Amino acid sequence: MSAYRDALRLDAGSSLERVNLAKELLKNGRGVVVLSDRLALRPAGSTILCEVIDCFVDSTRSPSEYRQMVEDAKLLLAGSPLAAEVLGHSVEWLVVADYGNGTIERWPSV
């Protein structure tokens, strides 16, 4: 079970139709898009929350590890077909743990 079970998932092999649907969801603020099971893009008004998904829910990381996770996710987004759509908005980066029924914020990006 995942907090992102209803999200549209994209990976490197996703079709152009799925990519276009993801762009539409983000543009209209109607849904969450997950890239490669590592980054959730959640529209929140005029901002897109970029939720870096920490798969180790019971661990604690150092601030430098969290910063590295965010940097890796930024590279993932930059290489995706959604980069222009997302980076055209105000974005907020954070690391979250997926507990199945929801997420909890682990670390805000500075």
N, C-alpha and C. Protein backbone atom coordinates (compact mmCIF):
# COMPACT_ATOMS: atom_id res chain seq x y z
N MET A 1 0.85 -1.17 0.00
CA MET A 1 0.00 0.00 0.00
C MET A 1 0.90 1.23 0.00
N SER A 2 0.47 2.25 -0.72
CA SER A 2 1.24 3.48 -0.83
C SER A 2 0.32 4.69 -0.70
N ALA A 3 0.85 5.73 -0.13
CA ALA A 3 0.10 6.99 -0.05
C ALA A 3 -0.14 7.55 -1.45
N TYR A 4 0.60 7.08 -2.42
CA TYR A 4 0.52 7.55 -3.80
C TYR A 4 -0.23 6.56 -4.70
N ARG A 5 -1.06 5.72 -4.14
CA ARG A 5 -1.74 4.68 -4.92
C ARG A 5 -2.62 5.24 -6.03
N ASP A 6 -3.14 6.44 -5.86
CA ASP A 6 -4.01 7.05 -6.87
C ASP A 6 -3.26 7.99 -7.82
N ALA A 7 -1.96 8.10 -7.63
CA ALA A 7 -1.17 9.01 -8.46
C ALA A 7 -0.90 8.39 -9.83
N LEU A 8 -0.68 9.25 -10.80
CA LEU A 8 -0.25 8.81 -12.12
C LEU A 8 1.25 8.58 -12.06
N ARG A 9 1.68 7.39 -12.39
CA ARG A 9 3.10 7.05 -12.32
C ARG A 9 3.74 7.09 -13.70
N LEU A 10 4.90 7.73 -13.76
CA LEU A 10 5.67 7.80 -14.99
C LEU A 10 7.07 7.25 -14.75
N ASP A 11 7.63 6.64 -15.79
CA ASP A 11 9.03 6.24 -15.76
C ASP A 11 9.60 6.46 -17.15
N ALA A 12 10.83 6.05 -17.35
CA ALA A 12 11.52 6.31 -18.62
C ALA A 12 10.78 5.71 -19.82
N GLY A 13 10.02 4.65 -19.61
CA GLY A 13 9.32 4.00 -20.72
C GLY A 13 7.88 4.43 -20.91
N SER A 14 7.46 5.47 -20.22
CA SER A 14 6.06 5.90 -20.32
C SER A 14 5.74 6.45 -21.71
N SER A 15 4.52 6.20 -22.15
CA SER A 15 4.08 6.64 -23.46
C SER A 15 3.87 8.16 -23.48
N LEU A 16 3.85 8.70 -24.67
CA LEU A 16 3.60 10.13 -24.86
C LEU A 16 2.22 10.50 -24.32
N GLU A 17 1.25 9.61 -24.45
CA GLU A 17 -0.09 9.87 -23.94
C GLU A 17 -0.08 10.03 -22.42
N ARG A 18 0.67 9.17 -21.73
CA ARG A 18 0.76 9.28 -20.27
C ARG A 18 1.47 10.57 -19.86
N VAL A 19 2.52 10.91 -20.59
CA VAL A 19 3.25 12.15 -20.30
C VAL A 19 2.32 13.35 -20.48
N ASN A 20 1.55 13.36 -21.56
CA ASN A 20 0.62 14.47 -21.80
C ASN A 20 -0.46 14.53 -20.73
N LEU A 21 -0.94 13.38 -20.28
CA LEU A 21 -1.92 13.34 -19.20
C LEU A 21 -1.31 13.91 -17.92
N ALA A 22 -0.06 13.55 -17.63
CA ALA A 22 0.63 14.06 -16.44
C ALA A 22 0.75 15.59 -16.51
N LYS A 23 1.11 16.10 -17.66
CA LYS A 23 1.22 17.55 -17.83
C LYS A 23 -0.11 18.22 -17.58
N GLU A 24 -1.18 17.63 -18.09
CA GLU A 24 -2.51 18.18 -17.90
C GLU A 24 -2.92 18.17 -16.43
N LEU A 25 -2.63 17.07 -15.73
CA LEU A 25 -2.95 16.98 -14.30
C LEU A 25 -2.23 18.06 -13.51
N LEU A 26 -0.96 18.25 -13.81
CA LEU A 26 -0.18 19.27 -13.10
C LEU A 26 -0.65 20.68 -13.45
N LYS A 27 -0.91 20.90 -14.72
CA LYS A 27 -1.33 22.23 -15.17
C LYS A 27 -2.64 22.65 -14.51
N ASN A 28 -3.57 21.71 -14.41
CA ASN A 28 -4.89 22.02 -13.85
C ASN A 28 -5.01 21.75 -12.36
N GLY A 29 -3.92 21.26 -11.74
CA GLY A 29 -3.94 21.01 -10.30
C GLY A 29 -4.89 19.91 -9.89
N ARG A 30 -5.08 18.92 -10.76
CA ARG A 30 -6.07 17.88 -10.51
C ARG A 30 -5.51 16.55 -10.04
N GLY A 31 -4.20 16.41 -9.95
CA GLY A 31 -3.69 15.12 -9.52
C GLY A 31 -2.20 15.12 -9.26
N VAL A 32 -1.77 14.07 -8.59
CA VAL A 32 -0.36 13.88 -8.24
C VAL A 32 0.29 12.99 -9.29
N VAL A 33 1.52 13.32 -9.64
CA VAL A 33 2.29 12.53 -10.59
C VAL A 33 3.55 12.05 -9.88
N VAL A 34 3.87 10.76 -10.02
CA VAL A 34 5.06 10.19 -9.40
C VAL A 34 6.04 9.79 -10.50
N LEU A 35 7.27 10.30 -10.39
CA LEU A 35 8.33 9.97 -11.34
C LEU A 35 9.22 8.87 -10.78
N SER A 36 9.30 7.77 -11.49
CA SER A 36 10.22 6.67 -11.17
C SER A 36 10.14 6.23 -9.71
N ASP A 37 8.98 6.33 -9.11
CA ASP A 37 8.76 5.95 -7.70
C ASP A 37 9.69 6.67 -6.73
N ARG A 38 10.26 7.81 -7.16
CA ARG A 38 11.19 8.55 -6.30
C ARG A 38 10.78 9.98 -6.02
N LEU A 39 9.91 10.53 -6.87
CA LEU A 39 9.56 11.94 -6.75
C LEU A 39 8.08 12.13 -7.05
N ALA A 40 7.34 12.66 -6.09
CA ALA A 40 5.92 12.97 -6.29
C ALA A 40 5.77 14.46 -6.53
N LEU A 41 5.02 14.79 -7.57
CA LEU A 41 4.75 16.18 -7.92
C LEU A 41 3.30 16.45 -7.57
N ARG A 42 3.09 17.32 -6.57
CA ARG A 42 1.74 17.56 -6.04
C ARG A 42 1.38 19.03 -6.21
N PRO A 43 0.42 19.33 -7.10
CA PRO A 43 -0.02 20.72 -7.24
C PRO A 43 -0.66 21.21 -5.94
N ALA A 44 -0.31 22.42 -5.54
CA ALA A 44 -0.86 23.03 -4.33
C ALA A 44 -1.06 24.51 -4.61
N GLY A 45 -2.16 24.82 -5.27
CA GLY A 45 -2.39 26.20 -5.68
C GLY A 45 -1.43 26.59 -6.78
N SER A 46 -0.72 27.69 -6.60
CA SER A 46 0.23 28.13 -7.61
C SER A 46 1.61 27.48 -7.44
N THR A 47 1.75 26.62 -6.45
CA THR A 47 3.01 25.95 -6.15
C THR A 47 2.89 24.47 -6.48
N ILE A 48 4.01 23.88 -6.86
CA ILE A 48 4.05 22.42 -6.98
C ILE A 48 5.00 21.91 -5.90
N LEU A 49 4.46 21.06 -5.04
CA LEU A 49 5.29 20.42 -4.02
C LEU A 49 6.03 19.27 -4.67
N CYS A 50 7.33 19.29 -4.56
CA CYS A 50 8.18 18.22 -5.08
C CYS A 50 8.58 17.36 -3.89
N GLU A 51 7.88 16.25 -3.72
CA GLU A 51 8.06 15.38 -2.57
C GLU A 51 9.01 14.25 -2.92
N VAL A 52 10.22 14.33 -2.39
CA VAL A 52 11.20 13.28 -2.59
C VAL A 52 10.83 12.14 -1.65
N ILE A 53 10.62 10.97 -2.20
CA ILE A 53 10.11 9.84 -1.42
C ILE A 53 11.26 9.05 -0.82
N ASP A 54 11.31 9.03 0.51
CA ASP A 54 12.30 8.26 1.25
C ASP A 54 11.69 6.89 1.54
N CYS A 55 12.24 5.86 0.93
CA CYS A 55 11.65 4.52 1.07
C CYS A 55 11.99 3.86 2.41
N PHE A 56 12.90 4.43 3.15
CA PHE A 56 13.26 3.86 4.47
C PHE A 56 12.52 4.65 5.55
N VAL A 57 11.29 4.27 5.81
CA VAL A 57 10.41 5.06 6.68
C VAL A 57 10.87 5.10 8.13
N ASP A 58 11.60 4.11 8.59
CA ASP A 58 11.98 4.06 10.00
C ASP A 58 13.41 4.54 10.26
N SER A 59 14.04 5.12 9.24
CA SER A 59 15.42 5.56 9.44
C SER A 59 15.49 7.08 9.54
N THR A 60 16.56 7.55 10.11
CA THR A 60 16.83 8.97 10.18
C THR A 60 18.12 9.22 9.41
N ARG A 61 18.12 10.25 8.62
CA ARG A 61 19.29 10.59 7.80
C ARG A 61 19.87 11.91 8.29
N SER A 62 21.10 12.14 7.90
CA SER A 62 21.74 13.41 8.24
C SER A 62 21.23 14.49 7.27
N PRO A 63 21.37 15.75 7.65
CA PRO A 63 20.96 16.83 6.73
C PRO A 63 21.65 16.73 5.37
N SER A 64 22.90 16.33 5.34
CA SER A 64 23.60 16.22 4.05
C SER A 64 23.02 15.09 3.21
N GLU A 65 22.57 14.01 3.83
CA GLU A 65 21.93 12.92 3.08
C GLU A 65 20.60 13.39 2.50
N TYR A 66 19.83 14.14 3.28
CA TYR A 66 18.57 14.68 2.77
C TYR A 66 18.83 15.65 1.61
N ARG A 67 19.82 16.51 1.76
CA ARG A 67 20.15 17.44 0.68
C ARG A 67 20.54 16.68 -0.58
N GLN A 68 21.29 15.59 -0.43
CA GLN A 68 21.68 14.79 -1.60
C GLN A 68 20.47 14.13 -2.25
N MET A 69 19.54 13.67 -1.45
CA MET A 69 18.31 13.09 -2.01
C MET A 69 17.56 14.13 -2.84
N VAL A 70 17.49 15.36 -2.35
CA VAL A 70 16.81 16.43 -3.08
C VAL A 70 17.57 16.74 -4.37
N GLU A 71 18.88 16.82 -4.31
CA GLU A 71 19.67 17.09 -5.51
C GLU A 71 19.48 15.99 -6.56
N ASP A 72 19.45 14.75 -6.13
CA ASP A 72 19.22 13.63 -7.05
C ASP A 72 17.84 13.73 -7.68
N ALA A 73 16.84 14.11 -6.88
CA ALA A 73 15.48 14.25 -7.41
C ALA A 73 15.39 15.42 -8.39
N LYS A 74 16.13 16.48 -8.13
CA LYS A 74 16.15 17.61 -9.06
C LYS A 74 16.72 17.18 -10.41
N LEU A 75 17.74 16.35 -10.40
CA LEU A 75 18.30 15.82 -11.65
C LEU A 75 17.30 14.93 -12.36
N LEU A 76 16.58 14.11 -11.60
CA LEU A 76 15.54 13.25 -12.17
C LEU A 76 14.49 14.11 -12.87
N LEU A 77 14.02 15.14 -12.19
CA LEU A 77 13.02 16.02 -12.78
C LEU A 77 13.56 16.74 -14.01
N ALA A 78 14.77 17.25 -13.93
CA ALA A 78 15.37 17.98 -15.05
C ALA A 78 15.48 17.12 -16.30
N GLY A 79 15.66 15.82 -16.13
CA GLY A 79 15.77 14.91 -17.26
C GLY A 79 14.45 14.34 -17.72
N SER A 80 13.37 14.76 -17.08
CA SER A 80 12.06 14.21 -17.42
C SER A 80 11.33 15.13 -18.40
N PRO A 81 10.33 14.59 -19.09
CA PRO A 81 9.54 15.43 -20.00
C PRO A 81 8.62 16.41 -19.27
N LEU A 82 8.57 16.34 -17.95
CA LEU A 82 7.73 17.25 -17.17
C LEU A 82 8.50 18.46 -16.65
N ALA A 83 9.79 18.51 -16.91
CA ALA A 83 10.63 19.57 -16.35
C ALA A 83 10.08 20.96 -16.66
N ALA A 84 9.77 21.25 -17.91
CA ALA A 84 9.30 22.59 -18.27
C ALA A 84 7.97 22.91 -17.60
N GLU A 85 7.09 21.94 -17.51
CA GLU A 85 5.79 22.15 -16.88
C GLU A 85 5.95 22.48 -15.39
N VAL A 86 6.80 21.75 -14.71
CA VAL A 86 6.97 21.93 -13.27
C VAL A 86 7.78 23.19 -12.97
N LEU A 87 8.88 23.35 -13.67
CA LEU A 87 9.76 24.47 -13.35
C LEU A 87 9.19 25.81 -13.80
N GLY A 88 8.07 25.80 -14.49
CA GLY A 88 7.36 27.02 -14.83
C GLY A 88 6.51 27.53 -13.67
N HIS A 89 6.46 26.78 -12.59
CA HIS A 89 5.70 27.13 -11.39
C HIS A 89 6.66 27.42 -10.24
N SER A 90 6.11 27.95 -9.18
CA SER A 90 6.85 28.02 -7.93
C SER A 90 6.93 26.59 -7.40
N VAL A 91 8.09 26.16 -6.95
CA VAL A 91 8.24 24.79 -6.44
C VAL A 91 8.77 24.82 -5.01
N GLU A 92 8.39 23.81 -4.27
CA GLU A 92 8.89 23.62 -2.90
C GLU A 92 9.37 22.18 -2.80
N TRP A 93 10.60 22.00 -2.34
CA TRP A 93 11.20 20.68 -2.23
C TRP A 93 11.17 20.20 -0.79
N LEU A 94 10.77 18.96 -0.58
CA LEU A 94 10.80 18.35 0.73
C LEU A 94 10.98 16.85 0.58
N VAL A 95 11.45 16.23 1.65
CA VAL A 95 11.60 14.78 1.69
C VAL A 95 10.49 14.24 2.57
N VAL A 96 9.82 13.22 2.07
CA VAL A 96 8.72 12.61 2.82
C VAL A 96 8.94 11.10 2.94
N ALA A 97 8.37 10.53 3.99
CA ALA A 97 8.32 9.08 4.15
C ALA A 97 6.90 8.65 3.83
N ASP A 98 6.77 7.59 3.06
CA ASP A 98 5.47 7.05 2.65
C ASP A 98 5.09 5.95 3.62
N TYR A 99 4.08 6.21 4.45
CA TYR A 99 3.64 5.23 5.45
C TYR A 99 2.45 4.39 4.98
N GLY A 100 2.11 4.48 3.71
CA GLY A 100 1.02 3.69 3.19
C GLY A 100 -0.30 4.43 3.17
N ASN A 101 -0.72 4.94 4.30
CA ASN A 101 -1.97 5.70 4.37
C ASN A 101 -1.75 7.19 4.18
N GLY A 102 -0.51 7.60 4.16
CA GLY A 102 -0.18 9.01 4.01
C GLY A 102 1.32 9.19 4.06
N THR A 103 1.73 10.44 4.09
CA THR A 103 3.16 10.75 4.16
C THR A 103 3.42 11.62 5.38
N ILE A 104 4.68 11.62 5.79
CA ILE A 104 5.11 12.52 6.85
C ILE A 104 6.37 13.22 6.35
N GLU A 105 6.44 14.51 6.59
CA GLU A 105 7.59 15.28 6.14
C GLU A 105 8.81 14.91 6.97
N ARG A 106 9.88 14.56 6.28
CA ARG A 106 11.14 14.21 6.94
C ARG A 106 12.10 15.38 7.00
N TRP A 107 12.11 16.15 5.92
CA TRP A 107 13.11 17.22 5.86
C TRP A 107 12.70 18.28 4.85
N PRO A 108 12.67 19.52 5.26
CA PRO A 108 12.43 20.59 4.28
C PRO A 108 13.76 21.00 3.64
N SER A 109 13.71 21.29 2.37
CA SER A 109 14.89 21.76 1.65
C SER A 109 15.16 23.21 2.04
N VAL A 110 16.40 23.53 2.17
CA VAL A 110 16.79 24.91 2.52
C VAL A 110 17.15 25.66 1.26
